């Protein structure tokens, strides 16, 4: 298992300002039993479609029923769920023949995922309520110094 100092050295080698390199997290900082925290969480594997899939799986209790509701094939949904679990370093669901049962860590992920999905839904609704601009829009076309004015 990597120690925190090893993670810091890896960060120094990769560059702390790299967009996909995250702060190291040690297992001592994890409050959840059965969840091994990866030293560097790859946020490129934590996408909105996978987060929504977790929420729908929790509500449906089945990956077979959740996949079409998320516009995914069963194989794609299963792969996304496995990749998300690998990125988070824990098992979200115990997979039975018929039902999905959330683990302790999975309950935390599901609750957080529900919050994220609700926040994104609220954001979209709030943006749709904003009236579109009226009048003219000025576009800076770059170095030429000329501006295009186009009606909205």
Foldseek 3Di string as FASTA:
>chain_A
DDDQVNLVVVCVVVDVPPPQWDQFDQPVPDPDPQAHADRTQGCVLVDLLLLVLLLQLVVVQALCVSQVVSVHHSVVNVVSQVSVCVRRRHHQWDDDPGGTHGDPVNVVSNVVSVVVVVVVVVVVVVVVPDDDDADWDWDDPPDVPDIDIDGD
